[in-house]
């Protein structure tokens, strides 16, 4: 979450520099830095989900759904 908030703050600064017509490498460099922060946040999110198994548990099936076939017919 911290990396995403840092990226958001950097994007806001970059946008404000572009809004006041400050052309140059500073605004582009800040955007590249923010993209790096987003990539880091994505990496950590993937590590949590795929390596450590963090996530939302699926809902438990009720007793009536456990024995039924996966292809239920609706009449």
Foldseek 3Di string as FASTA:
>chain_A
DVLLVVLVVLLVVLVVCVVVPVDDCSSVVSNVVSVVSVVVVVVVVCCCCPVVPDDDDDDDDDPVPPPDDPDDDDD
